[in-house]
């Protein structure tokens, strides 16, 4: 299923709606969608390397706005939607662990999730639920630093190294997926010890 979603996301790079699709993907991934926008960002940057910085900007702005939407979901609609999130988006145990992290240093944890493969959506929605621990300003500031760092790094690497990266991902998608999950687990372990 993940491979089908990946291919569906990639197909947008070949349409006239590529940039709006990138913005939509970045926005929704910040609150509930499972595929990170990096996939489409890579494809678009490969197709038009000179536009890589523009694509990273679109991705960054939409992602921060999506993070704010995630905050709004957590703050205003959590009781209505939590069943959906715990069934399809993330586990209740992970969600509660993020809430515990927020008691320590919300800015650091949001920044880390914004920059790394750790599921950013868990942190945006949890920030809204625990709005007594995390202000919207903290979420926006940490996201506005972490998300652009991530997306500009991805676009920059693609501009420098180009097509071999995409070929590697296509050829070793399953291993890349496992590596991505491993990085998420490692990120949570590192965050636990911070």
N, C-alpha and C. Protein backbone atom coordinates (compact mmCIF):
# COMPACT_ATOMS: atom_id res chain seq x y z
N UNK A 1 0.83 -1.20 0.00
CA UNK A 1 0.00 0.00 0.00
C UNK A 1 0.87 1.26 0.00
N UNK A 2 1.95 1.23 0.79
CA UNK A 2 2.84 2.38 0.85
C UNK A 2 3.46 2.66 -0.52
N UNK A 3 3.81 1.61 -1.24
CA UNK A 3 4.37 1.76 -2.59
C UNK A 3 3.35 2.40 -3.53
N UNK A 4 2.06 2.00 -3.41
CA UNK A 4 1.02 2.59 -4.26
C UNK A 4 0.84 4.08 -3.95
N UNK A 5 0.85 4.43 -2.66
CA UNK A 5 0.74 5.83 -2.28
C UNK A 5 1.94 6.62 -2.80
N UNK A 6 3.11 6.04 -2.68
CA UNK A 6 4.34 6.67 -3.19
C UNK A 6 4.22 6.95 -4.68
N UNK A 7 3.77 5.96 -5.44
CA UNK A 7 3.62 6.13 -6.89
C UNK A 7 2.54 7.16 -7.21
N UNK A 8 1.47 7.17 -6.44
CA UNK A 8 0.40 8.15 -6.66
C UNK A 8 0.94 9.57 -6.43
N UNK A 9 1.72 9.74 -5.36
CA UNK A 9 2.31 11.06 -5.09
C UNK A 9 3.24 11.47 -6.23
N UNK A 10 4.07 10.53 -6.69
CA UNK A 10 5.01 10.84 -7.77
C UNK A 10 4.33 11.23 -9.08
N UNK A 11 3.16 10.65 -9.35
CA UNK A 11 2.51 10.95 -10.63
C UNK A 11 2.17 12.43 -10.77
N UNK A 12 2.01 13.13 -9.65
CA UNK A 12 1.68 14.56 -9.70
C UNK A 12 2.80 15.39 -10.32
N UNK A 13 4.03 14.89 -10.25
CA UNK A 13 5.16 15.63 -10.82
C UNK A 13 5.03 15.78 -12.32
N UNK A 14 4.26 14.92 -12.95
CA UNK A 14 4.11 14.94 -14.41
C UNK A 14 2.83 15.65 -14.86
N UNK A 15 2.20 16.39 -13.97
CA UNK A 15 0.97 17.08 -14.31
C UNK A 15 1.17 18.59 -14.19
N UNK A 16 0.26 19.38 -14.78
CA UNK A 16 0.36 20.83 -14.61
C UNK A 16 0.01 21.30 -13.20
N UNK A 17 -0.46 20.36 -12.38
CA UNK A 17 -0.86 20.70 -11.01
C UNK A 17 0.21 20.32 -10.00
N UNK A 18 1.44 20.17 -10.44
CA UNK A 18 2.51 19.68 -9.59
C UNK A 18 2.75 20.58 -8.36
N UNK A 19 2.84 21.88 -8.56
CA UNK A 19 3.13 22.78 -7.44
C UNK A 19 1.95 22.84 -6.46
N UNK A 20 0.70 22.98 -6.93
CA UNK A 20 -0.41 22.91 -5.98
C UNK A 20 -0.47 21.56 -5.26
N UNK A 21 -0.15 20.48 -5.98
CA UNK A 21 -0.14 19.16 -5.34
C UNK A 21 0.94 19.09 -4.26
N UNK A 22 2.10 19.70 -4.52
CA UNK A 22 3.17 19.75 -3.53
C UNK A 22 2.71 20.51 -2.28
N UNK A 23 2.08 21.65 -2.50
CA UNK A 23 1.58 22.44 -1.37
C UNK A 23 0.53 21.66 -0.58
N UNK A 24 -0.39 21.02 -1.30
CA UNK A 24 -1.43 20.24 -0.64
C UNK A 24 -0.83 19.07 0.15
N UNK A 25 0.12 18.38 -0.44
CA UNK A 25 0.76 17.25 0.22
C UNK A 25 1.51 17.71 1.47
N UNK A 26 2.26 18.80 1.37
CA UNK A 26 3.00 19.32 2.52
C UNK A 26 2.05 19.75 3.63
N UNK A 27 0.94 20.36 3.25
CA UNK A 27 -0.06 20.80 4.22
C UNK A 27 -0.68 19.61 4.94
N UNK A 28 -1.14 18.62 4.18
CA UNK A 28 -1.85 17.49 4.79
C UNK A 28 -0.91 16.56 5.56
N UNK A 29 0.33 16.43 5.11
CA UNK A 29 1.28 15.56 5.82
C UNK A 29 1.57 16.12 7.21
N UNK A 30 1.41 17.40 7.38
CA UNK A 30 1.67 18.02 8.68
C UNK A 30 0.57 17.75 9.71
N UNK A 31 -0.54 17.17 9.25
CA UNK A 31 -1.62 16.90 10.20
C UNK A 31 -2.19 15.49 10.12
N UNK A 32 -2.16 14.82 8.93
CA UNK A 32 -2.73 13.47 8.92
C UNK A 32 -2.25 12.55 7.81
N UNK A 33 -1.71 13.05 6.70
CA UNK A 33 -1.37 12.19 5.56
C UNK A 33 -0.04 11.47 5.80
N UNK A 34 0.09 10.17 5.42
CA UNK A 34 1.28 9.40 5.79
C UNK A 34 2.53 9.61 4.92
N UNK A 35 2.40 10.08 3.68
CA UNK A 35 3.56 10.20 2.80
C UNK A 35 4.17 11.59 2.93
N UNK A 36 5.48 11.68 3.25
CA UNK A 36 6.10 12.99 3.38
C UNK A 36 6.22 13.70 2.03
N UNK A 37 6.17 15.02 2.03
CA UNK A 37 6.23 15.77 0.77
C UNK A 37 7.59 15.69 0.09
N UNK A 38 8.59 15.19 0.79
CA UNK A 38 9.93 15.07 0.21
C UNK A 38 9.91 14.27 -1.09
N UNK A 39 9.02 13.28 -1.18
CA UNK A 39 8.93 12.42 -2.36
C UNK A 39 8.63 13.26 -3.60
N UNK A 40 7.61 14.10 -3.52
CA UNK A 40 7.25 14.96 -4.65
C UNK A 40 8.26 16.09 -4.83
N UNK A 41 8.78 16.61 -3.73
CA UNK A 41 9.81 17.65 -3.80
C UNK A 41 11.03 17.14 -4.59
N UNK A 42 11.44 15.90 -4.34
CA UNK A 42 12.57 15.30 -5.05
C UNK A 42 12.25 15.19 -6.54
N UNK A 43 11.06 14.66 -6.85
CA UNK A 43 10.69 14.47 -8.26
C UNK A 43 10.63 15.80 -9.00
N UNK A 44 10.05 16.82 -8.38
CA UNK A 44 9.95 18.12 -9.04
C UNK A 44 11.32 18.76 -9.21
N UNK A 45 12.15 18.66 -8.20
CA UNK A 45 13.49 19.26 -8.28
C UNK A 45 14.33 18.55 -9.34
N UNK A 46 14.15 17.24 -9.48
CA UNK A 46 14.85 16.51 -10.54
C UNK A 46 14.39 16.96 -11.92
N UNK A 47 13.08 17.21 -12.05
CA UNK A 47 12.56 17.60 -13.36
C UNK A 47 12.94 19.03 -13.73
N UNK A 48 13.04 19.91 -12.75
CA UNK A 48 13.39 21.32 -12.99
C UNK A 48 14.36 21.78 -11.89
N UNK A 49 15.63 21.40 -11.97
CA UNK A 49 16.59 21.74 -10.90
C UNK A 49 16.67 23.23 -10.58
N UNK A 50 16.48 24.07 -11.58
CA UNK A 50 16.56 25.52 -11.34
C UNK A 50 15.42 26.03 -10.46
N UNK A 51 14.35 25.26 -10.35
CA UNK A 51 13.21 25.66 -9.50
C UNK A 51 13.24 25.01 -8.12
N UNK A 52 14.31 24.30 -7.79
CA UNK A 52 14.39 23.58 -6.53
C UNK A 52 14.14 24.45 -5.30
N UNK A 53 14.70 25.65 -5.28
CA UNK A 53 14.50 26.53 -4.12
C UNK A 53 13.04 26.99 -4.03
N UNK A 54 12.41 27.23 -5.18
CA UNK A 54 11.00 27.61 -5.19
C UNK A 54 10.15 26.46 -4.63
N UNK A 55 10.43 25.24 -5.07
CA UNK A 55 9.68 24.08 -4.59
C UNK A 55 9.88 23.91 -3.07
N UNK A 56 11.09 24.11 -2.60
CA UNK A 56 11.36 23.99 -1.16
C UNK A 56 10.62 25.07 -0.38
N UNK A 57 10.51 26.26 -0.96
CA UNK A 57 9.78 27.36 -0.31
C UNK A 57 8.29 27.01 -0.21
N UNK A 58 7.71 26.55 -1.31
CA UNK A 58 6.29 26.16 -1.32
C UNK A 58 6.05 25.08 -0.27
N UNK A 59 6.92 24.10 -0.28
CA UNK A 59 6.80 22.97 0.65
C UNK A 59 6.89 23.46 2.11
N UNK A 60 7.82 24.34 2.38
CA UNK A 60 8.03 24.84 3.74
C UNK A 60 6.83 25.64 4.24
N UNK A 61 6.37 26.58 3.44
CA UNK A 61 5.24 27.43 3.84
C UNK A 61 3.99 26.59 4.06
N UNK A 62 3.69 25.69 3.12
CA UNK A 62 2.50 24.84 3.23
C UNK A 62 2.60 23.92 4.43
N UNK A 63 3.79 23.42 4.71
CA UNK A 63 3.97 22.52 5.84
C UNK A 63 3.76 23.23 7.17
N UNK A 64 4.29 24.44 7.30
CA UNK A 64 4.08 25.21 8.54
C UNK A 64 2.59 25.53 8.71
N UNK A 65 1.93 25.92 7.61
CA UNK A 65 0.48 26.16 7.69
C UNK A 65 -0.26 24.88 8.07
N UNK A 66 0.17 23.75 7.51
CA UNK A 66 -0.43 22.47 7.88
C UNK A 66 -0.20 22.13 9.34
N UNK A 67 0.98 22.50 9.85
CA UNK A 67 1.25 22.31 11.28
C UNK A 67 0.29 23.12 12.14
N UNK A 68 -0.02 24.33 11.68
CA UNK A 68 -0.99 25.16 12.40
C UNK A 68 -2.38 24.52 12.34
N UNK A 69 -2.71 23.90 11.20
CA UNK A 69 -3.99 23.18 11.08
C UNK A 69 -4.00 21.99 12.03
N UNK A 70 -2.87 21.28 12.12
CA UNK A 70 -2.77 20.17 13.07
C UNK A 70 -2.99 20.65 14.50
N UNK A 71 -2.42 21.79 14.83
CA UNK A 71 -2.62 22.39 16.15
C UNK A 71 -4.11 22.68 16.38
N UNK A 72 -4.76 23.24 15.37
CA UNK A 72 -6.19 23.55 15.48
C UNK A 72 -7.02 22.28 15.66
N UNK A 73 -6.65 21.21 14.95
CA UNK A 73 -7.35 19.93 15.12
C UNK A 73 -7.23 19.47 16.56
N UNK A 74 -6.02 19.50 17.09
CA UNK A 74 -5.80 19.07 18.47
C UNK A 74 -6.49 19.95 19.49
N UNK A 75 -6.48 21.24 19.24
CA UNK A 75 -7.04 22.19 20.20
C UNK A 75 -8.57 22.21 20.18
N UNK A 76 -9.15 22.15 18.98
CA UNK A 76 -10.59 22.36 18.90
C UNK A 76 -11.44 21.16 18.57
N UNK A 77 -10.84 20.11 17.99
CA UNK A 77 -11.65 19.00 17.49
C UNK A 77 -11.20 17.63 17.99
N UNK A 78 -10.29 17.61 18.95
CA UNK A 78 -9.67 16.36 19.35
C UNK A 78 -10.68 15.30 19.80
N UNK A 79 -11.62 15.68 20.60
CA UNK A 79 -12.60 14.70 21.11
C UNK A 79 -13.41 14.07 19.98
N UNK A 80 -13.62 14.81 18.92
CA UNK A 80 -14.40 14.31 17.78
C UNK A 80 -13.57 13.38 16.90
N UNK A 81 -12.27 13.70 16.71
CA UNK A 81 -11.45 13.00 15.71
C UNK A 81 -10.42 12.03 16.30
N UNK A 82 -10.29 11.95 17.60
CA UNK A 82 -9.20 11.14 18.14
C UNK A 82 -9.32 9.66 17.78
N UNK A 83 -10.51 9.13 17.63
CA UNK A 83 -10.67 7.74 17.21
C UNK A 83 -10.06 7.49 15.85
N UNK A 84 -10.29 8.41 14.91
CA UNK A 84 -9.70 8.30 13.58
C UNK A 84 -8.18 8.33 13.66
N UNK A 85 -7.64 9.28 14.41
CA UNK A 85 -6.18 9.42 14.48
C UNK A 85 -5.54 8.20 15.12
N UNK A 86 -6.12 7.70 16.21
CA UNK A 86 -5.52 6.54 16.87
C UNK A 86 -5.67 5.27 16.05
N UNK A 87 -6.64 5.22 15.16
CA UNK A 87 -6.83 4.04 14.32
C UNK A 87 -5.96 4.10 13.07
N UNK A 88 -5.85 5.27 12.44
CA UNK A 88 -5.22 5.36 11.12
C UNK A 88 -3.94 6.18 11.03
N UNK A 89 -3.68 7.06 11.99
CA UNK A 89 -2.58 8.00 11.81
C UNK A 89 -1.40 7.72 12.75
N UNK A 90 -1.65 7.57 14.03
CA UNK A 90 -0.59 7.27 15.00
C UNK A 90 -1.18 6.60 16.22
N UNK A 91 -0.33 5.97 17.02
CA UNK A 91 -0.80 5.22 18.18
C UNK A 91 -1.05 6.15 19.36
N UNK A 92 -1.92 5.71 20.24
CA UNK A 92 -2.22 6.48 21.44
C UNK A 92 -1.00 6.56 22.35
N UNK A 93 -0.23 5.47 22.43
CA UNK A 93 0.97 5.46 23.27
C UNK A 93 1.99 6.49 22.79
N UNK A 94 2.22 6.54 21.49
CA UNK A 94 3.14 7.52 20.92
C UNK A 94 2.64 8.94 21.18
N UNK A 95 1.37 9.14 20.99
CA UNK A 95 0.77 10.45 21.20
C UNK A 95 0.96 10.92 22.65
N UNK A 96 0.71 10.03 23.59
CA UNK A 96 0.87 10.38 25.01
C UNK A 96 2.32 10.63 25.37
N UNK A 97 3.23 9.90 24.72
CA UNK A 97 4.66 10.13 24.96
C UNK A 97 5.06 11.53 24.50
N UNK A 98 4.53 11.96 23.36
CA UNK A 98 4.82 13.30 22.87
C UNK A 98 4.30 14.35 23.86
N UNK A 99 3.12 14.11 24.43
CA UNK A 99 2.60 15.02 25.45
C UNK A 99 3.54 15.14 26.64
N UNK A 100 4.14 14.01 27.03
CA UNK A 100 5.11 14.02 28.13
C UNK A 100 6.37 14.80 27.74
N UNK A 101 6.80 14.66 26.48
CA UNK A 101 7.96 15.43 26.02
C UNK A 101 7.71 16.92 26.15
N UNK A 102 6.49 17.34 25.88
CA UNK A 102 6.18 18.76 25.90
C UNK A 102 6.32 19.39 27.28
N UNK A 103 6.26 18.58 28.31
CA UNK A 103 6.47 19.11 29.65
C UNK A 103 7.93 19.52 29.85
N UNK A 104 8.84 18.92 29.06
CA UNK A 104 10.27 19.23 29.19
C UNK A 104 10.70 20.43 28.35
N UNK A 105 10.58 20.29 27.02
CA UNK A 105 11.05 21.36 26.13
C UNK A 105 10.31 21.27 24.81
N UNK A 106 9.17 21.89 24.73
CA UNK A 106 8.31 21.78 23.55
C UNK A 106 9.02 22.27 22.29
N UNK A 107 9.72 23.39 22.38
CA UNK A 107 10.38 23.95 21.20
C UNK A 107 11.36 22.94 20.60
N UNK A 108 12.21 22.35 21.43
CA UNK A 108 13.22 21.41 20.96
C UNK A 108 12.58 20.20 20.28
N UNK A 109 11.53 19.66 20.87
CA UNK A 109 10.89 18.47 20.31
C UNK A 109 10.17 18.77 19.00
N UNK A 110 9.52 19.91 18.92
CA UNK A 110 8.85 20.28 17.67
C UNK A 110 9.88 20.53 16.58
N UNK A 111 10.95 21.25 16.92
CA UNK A 111 12.01 21.49 15.94
C UNK A 111 12.59 20.17 15.43
N UNK A 112 12.85 19.24 16.35
CA UNK A 112 13.42 17.94 15.97
C UNK A 112 12.48 17.20 15.03
N UNK A 113 11.19 17.17 15.35
CA UNK A 113 10.22 16.50 14.49
C UNK A 113 10.08 17.20 13.15
N UNK A 114 10.19 18.52 13.15
CA UNK A 114 10.07 19.28 11.90
C UNK A 114 11.23 19.02 10.96
N UNK A 115 12.40 18.76 11.51
CA UNK A 115 13.60 18.59 10.70
C UNK A 115 13.90 17.14 10.32
N UNK A 116 13.51 16.21 11.14
CA UNK A 116 13.88 14.80 10.94
C UNK A 116 12.71 14.00 10.37
N UNK A 117 12.93 12.69 10.12
CA UNK A 117 11.84 11.84 9.63
C UNK A 117 10.80 11.47 10.70
N UNK A 118 10.98 11.93 11.93
CA UNK A 118 9.98 11.66 12.97
C UNK A 118 8.65 12.25 12.49
N UNK A 119 7.54 11.54 12.67
CA UNK A 119 6.24 12.03 12.16
C UNK A 119 5.84 13.38 12.78
N UNK A 120 6.03 14.42 12.02
CA UNK A 120 5.74 15.80 12.44
C UNK A 120 4.29 15.96 12.84
N UNK A 121 3.37 15.26 12.16
CA UNK A 121 1.94 15.39 12.42
C UNK A 121 1.58 15.05 13.86
N UNK A 122 2.29 14.07 14.45
CA UNK A 122 2.02 13.70 15.85
C UNK A 122 2.27 14.90 16.74
N UNK A 123 3.33 15.63 16.44
CA UNK A 123 3.73 16.76 17.28
C UNK A 123 2.83 17.98 17.09
N UNK A 124 2.33 18.18 15.88
CA UNK A 124 1.46 19.34 15.65
C UNK A 124 0.10 19.13 16.32
N UNK A 125 -0.48 17.96 16.14
CA UNK A 125 -1.78 17.68 16.74
C UNK A 125 -1.65 17.64 18.27
N UNK A 126 -0.59 16.99 18.76
CA UNK A 126 -0.37 16.91 20.21
C UNK A 126 -0.17 18.30 20.81
N UNK A 127 0.47 19.19 20.08
CA UNK A 127 0.67 20.56 20.57
C UNK A 127 -0.67 21.25 20.81
N UNK A 128 -1.62 21.01 19.91
CA UNK A 128 -2.95 21.59 20.10
C UNK A 128 -3.68 20.98 21.27
N UNK A 129 -3.56 19.67 21.43
CA UNK A 129 -4.21 19.01 22.57
C UNK A 129 -3.62 19.52 23.88
N UNK A 130 -2.30 19.64 23.93
CA UNK A 130 -1.63 20.14 25.13
C UNK A 130 -1.26 21.60 24.96
N UNK A 131 -2.24 22.42 24.55
CA UNK A 131 -1.98 23.84 24.32
C UNK A 131 -1.63 24.58 25.60
N UNK A 132 -1.88 23.96 26.75
CA UNK A 132 -1.45 24.56 28.01
C UNK A 132 0.07 24.44 28.19
N UNK A 133 0.70 23.51 27.45
CA UNK A 133 2.15 23.32 27.50
C UNK A 133 2.86 23.92 26.28
N UNK A 134 2.12 24.05 25.17
CA UNK A 134 2.73 24.48 23.91
C UNK A 134 1.88 25.60 23.30
N UNK A 135 2.45 26.77 23.21
CA UNK A 135 1.72 27.87 22.56
C UNK A 135 1.78 27.71 21.05
N UNK A 136 0.84 28.32 20.37
CA UNK A 136 0.85 28.31 18.91
C UNK A 136 2.13 28.98 18.41
N UNK A 137 2.57 30.02 19.09
CA UNK A 137 3.80 30.72 18.69
C UNK A 137 5.02 29.80 18.75
N UNK A 138 5.11 28.96 19.77
CA UNK A 138 6.21 28.01 19.88
C UNK A 138 6.18 27.03 18.72
N UNK A 139 4.99 26.52 18.42
CA UNK A 139 4.84 25.59 17.30
C UNK A 139 5.27 26.25 15.99
N UNK A 140 4.80 27.45 15.74
CA UNK A 140 5.10 28.14 14.48
C UNK A 140 6.60 28.44 14.38
N UNK A 141 7.20 28.94 15.44
CA UNK A 141 8.62 29.29 15.39
C UNK A 141 9.49 28.05 15.17
N UNK A 142 9.26 26.99 15.94
CA UNK A 142 10.06 25.77 15.78
C UNK A 142 9.86 25.17 14.39
N UNK A 143 8.63 25.21 13.90
CA UNK A 143 8.33 24.67 12.57
C UNK A 143 8.94 25.53 11.47
N UNK A 144 8.88 26.84 11.65
CA UNK A 144 9.39 27.77 10.64
C UNK A 144 10.92 27.70 10.53
N UNK A 145 11.57 27.12 11.51
CA UNK A 145 13.01 26.89 11.43
C UNK A 145 13.29 25.48 10.90
N UNK A 146 12.64 24.49 11.49
CA UNK A 146 12.92 23.09 11.17
C UNK A 146 12.47 22.65 9.79
N UNK A 147 11.25 23.03 9.38
CA UNK A 147 10.75 22.57 8.08
C UNK A 147 11.57 23.12 6.92
N UNK A 148 11.85 24.44 6.85
CA UNK A 148 12.69 24.92 5.74
C UNK A 148 14.09 24.30 5.74
N UNK A 149 14.67 24.11 6.92
CA UNK A 149 15.99 23.46 6.95
C UNK A 149 15.93 22.10 6.28
N UNK A 150 14.90 21.35 6.57
CA UNK A 150 14.75 20.02 5.98
C UNK A 150 14.53 20.10 4.46
N UNK A 151 13.55 20.89 4.04
CA UNK A 151 13.17 20.90 2.63
C UNK A 151 14.23 21.57 1.74
N UNK A 152 14.90 22.59 2.24
CA UNK A 152 15.97 23.21 1.46
C UNK A 152 17.18 22.28 1.38
N UNK A 153 17.42 21.50 2.43
CA UNK A 153 18.48 20.50 2.39
C UNK A 153 18.18 19.44 1.33
N UNK A 154 16.94 18.94 1.32
CA UNK A 154 16.54 17.93 0.33
C UNK A 154 16.68 18.50 -1.08
N UNK A 155 16.12 19.69 -1.33
CA UNK A 155 16.20 20.29 -2.67
C UNK A 155 17.65 20.55 -3.07
N UNK A 156 18.45 21.00 -2.12
CA UNK A 156 19.86 21.27 -2.41
C UNK A 156 20.61 19.99 -2.77
N UNK A 157 20.37 18.91 -2.03
CA UNK A 157 21.02 17.64 -2.33
C UNK A 157 20.62 17.13 -3.71
N UNK A 158 19.35 17.29 -4.05
CA UNK A 158 18.88 16.85 -5.36
C UNK A 158 19.50 17.70 -6.46
N UNK A 159 19.62 18.99 -6.23
CA UNK A 159 20.25 19.85 -7.24
C UNK A 159 21.72 19.46 -7.45
N UNK A 160 22.38 19.06 -6.38
CA UNK A 160 23.80 18.70 -6.48
C UNK A 160 24.00 17.29 -7.03
N UNK A 161 23.25 16.31 -6.48
CA UNK A 161 23.49 14.91 -6.83
C UNK A 161 22.53 14.34 -7.87
N UNK A 162 21.36 14.98 -8.03
CA UNK A 162 20.45 14.65 -9.12
C UNK A 162 19.85 13.27 -9.17
N UNK A 163 19.75 12.76 -10.37
CA UNK A 163 19.00 11.56 -10.69
C UNK A 163 19.46 10.29 -9.96
N UNK A 164 20.74 10.10 -9.63
CA UNK A 164 21.13 8.88 -8.93
C UNK A 164 20.38 8.67 -7.60
N UNK A 165 20.02 9.75 -6.92
CA UNK A 165 19.28 9.61 -5.67
C UNK A 165 17.89 9.04 -5.94
N UNK A 166 17.20 9.57 -6.94
CA UNK A 166 15.87 9.06 -7.27
C UNK A 166 15.93 7.60 -7.71
N UNK A 167 16.93 7.26 -8.53
CA UNK A 167 17.07 5.88 -8.98
C UNK A 167 17.31 4.94 -7.80
N UNK A 168 18.11 5.39 -6.85
CA UNK A 168 18.37 4.58 -5.66
C UNK A 168 17.08 4.35 -4.87
N UNK A 169 16.28 5.42 -4.67
CA UNK A 169 15.02 5.29 -3.92
C UNK A 169 14.07 4.35 -4.66
N UNK A 170 13.95 4.52 -5.98
CA UNK A 170 13.07 3.65 -6.74
C UNK A 170 13.49 2.18 -6.67
N UNK A 171 14.79 1.94 -6.77
CA UNK A 171 15.29 0.57 -6.77
C UNK A 171 15.19 -0.07 -5.39
N UNK A 172 15.46 0.69 -4.36
CA UNK A 172 15.50 0.14 -3.01
C UNK A 172 14.41 0.73 -2.12
N UNK A 173 13.22 0.89 -2.68
CA UNK A 173 12.12 1.53 -1.95
C UNK A 173 11.83 0.83 -0.62
N UNK A 174 11.75 -0.50 -0.64
CA UNK A 174 11.43 -1.23 0.59
C UNK A 174 12.50 -1.02 1.65
N UNK A 175 13.76 -1.09 1.25
CA UNK A 175 14.84 -0.85 2.21
C UNK A 175 14.83 0.60 2.71
N UNK A 176 14.54 1.53 1.80
CA UNK A 176 14.44 2.93 2.21
C UNK A 176 13.31 3.13 3.21
N UNK A 177 12.19 2.44 2.99
CA UNK A 177 11.06 2.53 3.92
C UNK A 177 11.46 2.00 5.29
N UNK A 178 12.14 0.86 5.30
CA UNK A 178 12.60 0.30 6.58
C UNK A 178 13.60 1.23 7.25
N UNK A 179 14.50 1.80 6.45
CA UNK A 179 15.46 2.76 6.99
C UNK A 179 14.78 3.99 7.56
N UNK A 180 13.73 4.45 6.88
CA UNK A 180 12.96 5.59 7.34
C UNK A 180 12.32 5.30 8.70
N UNK A 181 11.73 4.11 8.83
CA UNK A 181 11.13 3.69 10.11
C UNK A 181 12.21 3.60 11.17
N UNK A 182 13.37 3.03 10.80
CA UNK A 182 14.48 2.94 11.75
C UNK A 182 14.93 4.31 12.23
N UNK A 183 14.99 5.28 11.31
CA UNK A 183 15.35 6.65 11.70
C UNK A 183 14.32 7.25 12.64
N UNK A 184 13.04 6.96 12.41
CA UNK A 184 12.00 7.46 13.31
C UNK A 184 12.19 6.89 14.71
N UNK A 185 12.41 5.58 14.79
CA UNK A 185 12.61 4.93 16.09
C UNK A 185 13.84 5.50 16.77
N UNK A 186 14.93 5.64 16.02
CA UNK A 186 16.15 6.21 16.57
C UNK A 186 15.91 7.64 17.06
N UNK A 187 15.16 8.40 16.29
CA UNK A 187 14.84 9.77 16.70
C UNK A 187 14.09 9.82 18.01
N UNK A 188 13.13 8.91 18.18
CA UNK A 188 12.39 8.88 19.45
C UNK A 188 13.29 8.45 20.60
N UNK A 189 14.21 7.53 20.34
CA UNK A 189 15.13 7.11 21.39
C UNK A 189 16.03 8.26 21.79
N UNK A 190 16.55 8.98 20.80
CA UNK A 190 17.41 10.13 21.09
C UNK A 190 16.63 11.19 21.86
N UNK A 191 15.39 11.44 21.44
CA UNK A 191 14.58 12.45 22.13
C UNK A 191 14.31 12.06 23.57
N UNK A 192 14.16 10.77 23.81
CA UNK A 192 13.91 10.31 25.18
C UNK A 192 15.08 10.63 26.09
N UNK A 193 16.29 10.62 25.53
CA UNK A 193 17.48 10.84 26.36
C UNK A 193 17.91 12.30 26.39
N UNK A 194 17.27 13.18 25.63
CA UNK A 194 17.64 14.61 25.65
C UNK A 194 17.24 15.25 26.96
